[in-house]
Amino acid sequence: MIKYTPFWETLKKSNESTYTLINKHNISSATIDRLRKNQGISTVKIDDLCRILKCDVENIIVYESDS
């Protein structure tokens, strides 16, 4: 299962917040909600988040086995 735990840790360390992601960088509140619920988001959005947060993909997502 893909989880977005690293995203929240990266966001805390950055100068950004969910507010600035939505209002300054035009990330939709629905995308933020999907991240909170560990639901799928597009690779375009992952790319956007990496660009905004100046990080690598592994700072946004992690794969954890269900077993």
PDB file of N, CA and C in Angstrom:
ATOM      1  N   MET A   1       0.843  -1.181   0.000  1.00  0.00           N
ATOM      2  CA  MET A   1       0.000   0.000   0.000  1.00  0.00           C
ATOM      3  C   MET A   1       0.887   1.242   0.000  1.00  0.00           C
ATOM      4  N   ILE A   2       0.546   2.191  -0.849  1.00  0.00           N
ATOM      5  CA  ILE A   2       1.248   3.472  -0.895  1.00  0.00           C
ATOM      6  C   ILE A   2       0.726   4.347   0.256  1.00  0.00           C
ATOM      7  N   LYS A   3       1.657   4.934   0.987  1.00  0.00           N
ATOM      8  CA  LYS A   3       1.285   5.836   2.080  1.00  0.00           C
ATOM      9  C   LYS A   3       2.020   7.156   1.897  1.00  0.00           C
ATOM     10  N   TYR A   4       1.443   8.197   2.427  1.00  0.00           N
ATOM     11  CA  TYR A   4       1.990   9.542   2.277  1.00  0.00           C
ATOM     12  C   TYR A   4       2.575  10.094   3.575  1.00  0.00           C
ATOM     13  N   THR A   5       2.936   9.215   4.477  1.00  0.00           N
ATOM     14  CA  THR A   5       3.544   9.631   5.745  1.00  0.00           C
ATOM     15  C   THR A   5       4.769  10.519   5.527  1.00  0.00           C
ATOM     16  N   PRO A   6       5.664  10.171   4.584  1.00  0.00           N
ATOM     17  CA  PRO A   6       6.828  11.051   4.366  1.00  0.00           C
ATOM     18  C   PRO A   6       6.442  12.464   3.925  1.00  0.00           C
ATOM     19  N   PHE A   7       5.327  12.597   3.199  1.00  0.00           N
ATOM     20  CA  PHE A   7       4.878  13.922   2.771  1.00  0.00           C
ATOM     21  C   PHE A   7       4.638  14.825   3.972  1.00  0.00           C
ATOM     22  N   TRP A   8       3.940  14.309   4.977  1.00  0.00           N
ATOM     23  CA  TRP A   8       3.602  15.128   6.144  1.00  0.00           C
ATOM     24  C   TRP A   8       4.858  15.521   6.913  1.00  0.00           C
ATOM     25  N   GLU A   9       5.828  14.611   6.993  1.00  0.00           N
ATOM     26  CA  GLU A   9       7.087  14.929   7.665  1.00  0.00           C
ATOM     27  C   GLU A   9       7.863  15.988   6.874  1.00  0.00           C
ATOM     28  N   THR A  10       7.886  15.843   5.554  1.00  0.00           N
ATOM     29  CA  THR A  10       8.574  16.809   4.690  1.00  0.00           C
ATOM     30  C   THR A  10       7.897  18.173   4.765  1.00  0.00           C
ATOM     31  N   LEU A  11       6.566  18.173   4.780  1.00  0.00           N
ATOM     32  CA  LEU A  11       5.824  19.429   4.863  1.00  0.00           C
ATOM     33  C   LEU A  11       6.143  20.161   6.165  1.00  0.00           C
ATOM     34  N   LYS A  12       6.219  19.431   7.280  1.00  0.00           N
ATOM     35  CA  LYS A  12       6.541  20.053   8.572  1.00  0.00           C
ATOM     36  C   LYS A  12       7.911  20.717   8.556  1.00  0.00           C
ATOM     37  N   LYS A  13       8.867  20.107   7.852  1.00  0.00           N
ATOM     38  CA  LYS A  13      10.240  20.627   7.802  1.00  0.00           C
ATOM     39  C   LYS A  13      10.388  21.789   6.816  1.00  0.00           C
ATOM     40  N   SER A  14       9.400  21.978   5.959  1.00  0.00           N
ATOM     41  CA  SER A  14       9.482  23.026   4.935  1.00  0.00           C
ATOM     42  C   SER A  14       8.898  24.340   5.450  1.00  0.00           C
ATOM     43  N   ASN A  15       8.971  25.357   4.601  1.00  0.00           N
ATOM     44  CA  ASN A  15       8.356  26.655   4.918  1.00  0.00           C
ATOM     45  C   ASN A  15       6.925  26.729   4.406  1.00  0.00           C
ATOM     46  N   GLU A  16       6.387  25.601   3.980  1.00  0.00           N
ATOM     47  CA  GLU A  16       5.034  25.547   3.424  1.00  0.00           C
ATOM     48  C   GLU A  16       4.069  24.947   4.436  1.00  0.00           C
ATOM     49  N   SER A  17       2.790  25.106   4.151  1.00  0.00           N
ATOM     50  CA  SER A  17       1.725  24.503   4.959  1.00  0.00           C
ATOM     51  C   SER A  17       0.627  24.063   3.999  1.00  0.00           C
ATOM     52  N   THR A  18      -0.362  23.358   4.503  1.00  0.00           N
ATOM     53  CA  THR A  18      -1.471  22.992   3.616  1.00  0.00           C
ATOM     54  C   THR A  18      -2.151  24.253   3.097  1.00  0.00           C
ATOM     55  N   TYR A  19      -2.183  25.297   3.917  1.00  0.00           N
ATOM     56  CA  TYR A  19      -2.779  26.565   3.487  1.00  0.00           C
ATOM     57  C   TYR A  19      -2.034  27.132   2.277  1.00  0.00           C
ATOM     58  N   THR A  20      -0.702  27.195   2.346  1.00  0.00           N
ATOM     59  CA  THR A  20       0.052  27.753   1.219  1.00  0.00           C
ATOM     60  C   THR A  20       0.006  26.833   0.001  1.00  0.00           C
ATOM     61  N   LEU A  21      -0.034  25.518   0.227  1.00  0.00           N
ATOM     62  CA  LEU A  21      -0.151  24.608  -0.911  1.00  0.00           C
ATOM     63  C   LEU A  21      -1.447  24.888  -1.681  1.00  0.00           C
ATOM     64  N   ILE A  22      -2.526  25.109  -0.949  1.00  0.00           N
ATOM     65  CA  ILE A  22      -3.834  25.353  -1.575  1.00  0.00           C
ATOM     66  C   ILE A  22      -3.894  26.756  -2.180  1.00  0.00           C
ATOM     67  N   ASN A  23      -3.521  27.759  -1.416  1.00  0.00           N
ATOM     68  CA  ASN A  23      -3.750  29.144  -1.832  1.00  0.00           C
ATOM     69  C   ASN A  23      -2.625  29.772  -2.653  1.00  0.00           C
ATOM     70  N   LYS A  24      -1.406  29.349  -2.458  1.00  0.00           N
ATOM     71  CA  LYS A  24      -0.283  29.920  -3.194  1.00  0.00           C
ATOM     72  C   LYS A  24       0.110  29.056  -4.398  1.00  0.00           C
ATOM     73  N   HIS A  25       0.040  27.740  -4.225  1.00  0.00           N
ATOM     74  CA  HIS A  25       0.535  26.825  -5.255  1.00  0.00           C
ATOM     75  C   HIS A  25      -0.585  26.092  -6.011  1.00  0.00           C
ATOM     76  N   ASN A  26      -1.827  26.412  -5.700  1.00  0.00           N
ATOM     77  CA  ASN A  26      -2.995  25.860  -6.402  1.00  0.00           C
ATOM     78  C   ASN A  26      -3.113  24.342  -6.340  1.00  0.00           C
ATOM     79  N   ILE A  27      -2.694  23.746  -5.234  1.00  0.00           N
ATOM     80  CA  ILE A  27      -2.962  22.330  -4.984  1.00  0.00           C
ATOM     81  C   ILE A  27      -4.373  22.282  -4.405  1.00  0.00           C
ATOM     82  N   SER A  28      -5.216  21.451  -4.962  1.00  0.00           N
ATOM     83  CA  SER A  28      -6.616  21.451  -4.521  1.00  0.00           C
ATOM     84  C   SER A  28      -6.764  20.877  -3.109  1.00  0.00           C
ATOM     85  N   SER A  29      -7.787  21.336  -2.424  1.00  0.00           N
ATOM     86  CA  SER A  29      -8.074  20.807  -1.089  1.00  0.00           C
ATOM     87  C   SER A  29      -8.447  19.331  -1.184  1.00  0.00           C
ATOM     88  N   ALA A  30      -8.998  18.908  -2.315  1.00  0.00           N
ATOM     89  CA  ALA A  30      -9.324  17.487  -2.522  1.00  0.00           C
ATOM     90  C   ALA A  30      -8.043  16.648  -2.557  1.00  0.00           C
ATOM     91  N   THR A  31      -6.979  17.177  -3.152  1.00  0.00           N
ATOM     92  CA  THR A  31      -5.700  16.461  -3.177  1.00  0.00           C
ATOM     93  C   THR A  31      -5.139  16.342  -1.765  1.00  0.00           C
ATOM     94  N   ILE A  32      -5.218  17.406  -0.986  1.00  0.00           N
ATOM     95  CA  ILE A  32      -4.752  17.371   0.406  1.00  0.00           C
ATOM     96  C   ILE A  32      -5.551  16.327   1.183  1.00  0.00           C
ATOM     97  N   ASP A  33      -6.855  16.279   0.952  1.00  0.00           N
ATOM     98  CA  ASP A  33      -7.714  15.303   1.622  1.00  0.00           C
ATOM     99  C   ASP A  33      -7.323  13.879   1.216  1.00  0.00           C
ATOM    100  N   ARG A  34      -7.024  13.663  -0.060  1.00  0.00           N
ATOM    101  CA  ARG A  34      -6.612  12.337  -0.536  1.00  0.00           C
ATOM    102  C   ARG A  34      -5.283  11.927   0.113  1.00  0.00           C
ATOM    103  N   LEU A  35      -4.378  12.891   0.292  1.00  0.00           N
ATOM    104  CA  LEU A  35      -3.113  12.601   0.977  1.00  0.00           C
ATOM    105  C   LEU A  35      -3.364  12.195   2.426  1.00  0.00           C
ATOM    106  N   ARG A  36      -4.264  12.890   3.081  1.00  0.00           N
ATOM    107  CA  ARG A  36      -4.599  12.561   4.482  1.00  0.00           C
ATOM    108  C   ARG A  36      -5.155  11.146   4.603  1.00  0.00           C
ATOM    109  N   LYS A  37      -5.925  10.729   3.614  1.00  0.00           N
ATOM    110  CA  LYS A  37      -6.595   9.424   3.647  1.00  0.00           C
ATOM    111  C   LYS A  37      -5.794   8.319   2.949  1.00  0.00           C
ATOM    112  N   ASN A  38      -4.554   8.627   2.547  1.00  0.00           N
ATOM    113  CA  ASN A  38      -3.712   7.669   1.826  1.00  0.00           C
ATOM    114  C   ASN A  38      -4.397   7.111   0.586  1.00  0.00           C
ATOM    115  N   GLN A  39      -5.120   7.963  -0.109  1.00  0.00           N
ATOM    116  CA  GLN A  39      -5.755   7.584  -1.370  1.00  0.00           C
ATOM    117  C   GLN A  39      -4.850   8.020  -2.516  1.00  0.00           C
ATOM    118  N   GLY A  40      -5.053   7.442  -3.672  1.00  0.00           N
ATOM    119  CA  GLY A  40      -4.194   7.719  -4.814  1.00  0.00           C
ATOM    120  C   GLY A  40      -4.270   9.156  -5.307  1.00  0.00           C
ATOM    121  N   ILE A  41      -3.110   9.654  -5.754  1.00  0.00           N
ATOM    122  CA  ILE A  41      -3.038  10.940  -6.442  1.00  0.00           C
ATOM    123  C   ILE A  41      -2.207  10.727  -7.703  1.00  0.00           C
ATOM    124  N   SER A  42      -2.320  11.621  -8.638  1.00  0.00           N
ATOM    125  CA  SER A  42      -1.617  11.455  -9.914  1.00  0.00           C
ATOM    126  C   SER A  42      -0.119  11.718  -9.773  1.00  0.00           C
ATOM    127  N   THR A  43       0.628  11.161 -10.697  1.00  0.00           N
ATOM    128  CA  THR A  43       2.071  11.421 -10.713  1.00  0.00           C
ATOM    129  C   THR A  43       2.357  12.887 -11.016  1.00  0.00           C
ATOM    130  N   VAL A  44       1.448  13.543 -11.701  1.00  0.00           N
ATOM    131  CA  VAL A  44       1.603  14.983 -11.956  1.00  0.00           C
ATOM    132  C   VAL A  44       1.574  15.740 -10.629  1.00  0.00           C
ATOM    133  N   LYS A  45       0.665  15.356  -9.739  1.00  0.00           N
ATOM    134  CA  LYS A  45       0.576  16.012  -8.425  1.00  0.00           C
ATOM    135  C   LYS A  45       1.809  15.696  -7.580  1.00  0.00           C
ATOM    136  N   ILE A  46       2.300  14.462  -7.664  1.00  0.00           N
ATOM    137  CA  ILE A  46       3.524  14.108  -6.938  1.00  0.00           C
ATOM    138  C   ILE A  46       4.678  14.960  -7.448  1.00  0.00           C
ATOM    139  N   ASP A  47       4.756  15.116  -8.767  1.00  0.00           N
ATOM    140  CA  ASP A  47       5.778  15.971  -9.373  1.00  0.00           C
ATOM    141  C   ASP A  47       5.644  17.412  -8.876  1.00  0.00           C
ATOM    142  N   ASP A  48       4.420  17.933  -8.827  1.00  0.00           N
ATOM    143  CA  ASP A  48       4.173  19.292  -8.330  1.00  0.00           C
ATOM    144  C   ASP A  48       4.648  19.440  -6.882  1.00  0.00           C
ATOM    145  N   LEU A  49       4.307  18.458  -6.052  1.00  0.00           N
ATOM    146  CA  LEU A  49       4.692  18.519  -4.640  1.00  0.00           C
ATOM    147  C   LEU A  49       6.213  18.467  -4.475  1.00  0.00           C
ATOM    148  N   CYS A  50       6.876  17.627  -5.274  1.00  0.00           N
ATOM    149  CA  CYS A  50       8.345  17.559  -5.226  1.00  0.00           C
ATOM    150  C   CYS A  50       8.964  18.899  -5.623  1.00  0.00           C
ATOM    151  N   ARG A  51       8.404  19.528  -6.644  1.00  0.00           N
ATOM    152  CA  ARG A  51       8.908  20.826  -7.093  1.00  0.00           C
ATOM    153  C   ARG A  51       8.698  21.897  -6.021  1.00  0.00           C
ATOM    154  N   ILE A  52       7.507  21.932  -5.453  1.00  0.00           N
ATOM    155  CA  ILE A  52       7.175  22.942  -4.442  1.00  0.00           C
ATOM    156  C   ILE A  52       8.024  22.757  -3.183  1.00  0.00           C
ATOM    157  N   LEU A  53       8.143  21.511  -2.737  1.00  0.00           N
ATOM    158  CA  LEU A  53       8.854  21.231  -1.488  1.00  0.00           C
ATOM    159  C   LEU A  53      10.350  21.003  -1.693  1.00  0.00           C
ATOM    160  N   LYS A  54      10.777  21.038  -2.970  1.00  0.00           N
ATOM    161  CA  LYS A  54      12.194  20.846  -3.308  1.00  0.00           C
ATOM    162  C   LYS A  54      12.724  19.553  -2.692  1.00  0.00           C
ATOM    163  N   CYS A  55      12.064  18.453  -3.033  1.00  0.00           N
ATOM    164  CA  CYS A  55      12.431  17.161  -2.472  1.00  0.00           C
ATOM    165  C   CYS A  55      12.323  16.063  -3.529  1.00  0.00           C
ATOM    166  N   ASP A  56      12.676  14.858  -3.146  1.00  0.00           N
ATOM    167  CA  ASP A  56      12.575  13.698  -4.025  1.00  0.00           C
ATOM    168  C   ASP A  56      11.278  12.945  -3.752  1.00  0.00           C
ATOM    169  N   VAL A  57      10.947  12.038  -4.664  1.00  0.00           N
ATOM    170  CA  VAL A  57       9.700  11.274  -4.548  1.00  0.00           C
ATOM    171  C   VAL A  57       9.627  10.525  -3.221  1.00  0.00           C
ATOM    172  N   GLU A  58      10.743   9.976  -2.769  1.00  0.00           N
ATOM    173  CA  GLU A  58      10.725   9.213  -1.514  1.00  0.00           C
ATOM    174  C   GLU A  58      10.439  10.091  -0.297  1.00  0.00           C
ATOM    175  N   ASN A  59      10.464  11.411  -0.469  1.00  0.00           N
ATOM    176  CA  ASN A  59      10.069  12.324   0.600  1.00  0.00           C
ATOM    177  C   ASN A  59       8.568  12.617   0.568  1.00  0.00           C
ATOM    178  N   ILE A  60       7.876  12.019  -0.403  1.00  0.00           N
ATOM    179  CA  ILE A  60       6.432  12.198  -0.541  1.00  0.00           C
ATOM    180  C   ILE A  60       5.673  10.894  -0.286  1.00  0.00           C
ATOM    181  N   ILE A  61       6.158   9.805  -0.873  1.00  0.00           N
ATOM    182  CA  ILE A  61       5.448   8.522  -0.767  1.00  0.00           C
ATOM    183  C   ILE A  61       6.361   7.409  -0.295  1.00  0.00           C
ATOM    184  N   VAL A  62       5.740   6.391   0.251  1.00  0.00           N
ATOM    185  CA  VAL A  62       6.442   5.172   0.652  1.00  0.00           C
ATOM    186  C   VAL A  62       5.510   3.990   0.380  1.00  0.00           C
ATOM    187  N   TYR A  63       6.099   2.861  -0.012  1.00  0.00           N
ATOM    188  CA  TYR A  63       5.306   1.654  -0.214  1.00  0.00           C
ATOM    189  C   TYR A  63       5.501   0.759   1.009  1.00  0.00           C
ATOM    190  N   GLU A  64       4.376   0.329   1.597  1.00  0.00           N
ATOM    191  CA  GLU A  64       4.409  -0.604   2.719  1.00  0.00           C
ATOM    192  C   GLU A  64       3.552  -1.801   2.373  1.00  0.00           C
ATOM    193  N   SER A  65       4.116  -2.981   2.541  1.00  0.00           N
ATOM    194  CA  SER A  65       3.409  -4.224   2.256  1.00  0.00           C
ATOM    195  C   SER A  65       2.221  -4.392   3.203  1.00  0.00           C
ATOM    196  N   ASP A  66       1.141  -4.979   2.687  1.00  0.00           N
ATOM    197  CA  ASP A  66      -0.056  -5.200   3.503  1.00  0.00           C
ATOM    198  C   ASP A  66       0.146  -6.307   4.539  1.00  0.00           C
ATOM    199  N   SER A  67       1.131  -7.160   4.322  1.00  0.00           N
ATOM    200  CA  SER A  67       1.289  -8.314   5.222  1.00  0.00           C
ATOM    201  C   SER A  67       2.045  -8.025   6.482  1.00  0.00           C
TER     202      SER A  67
END
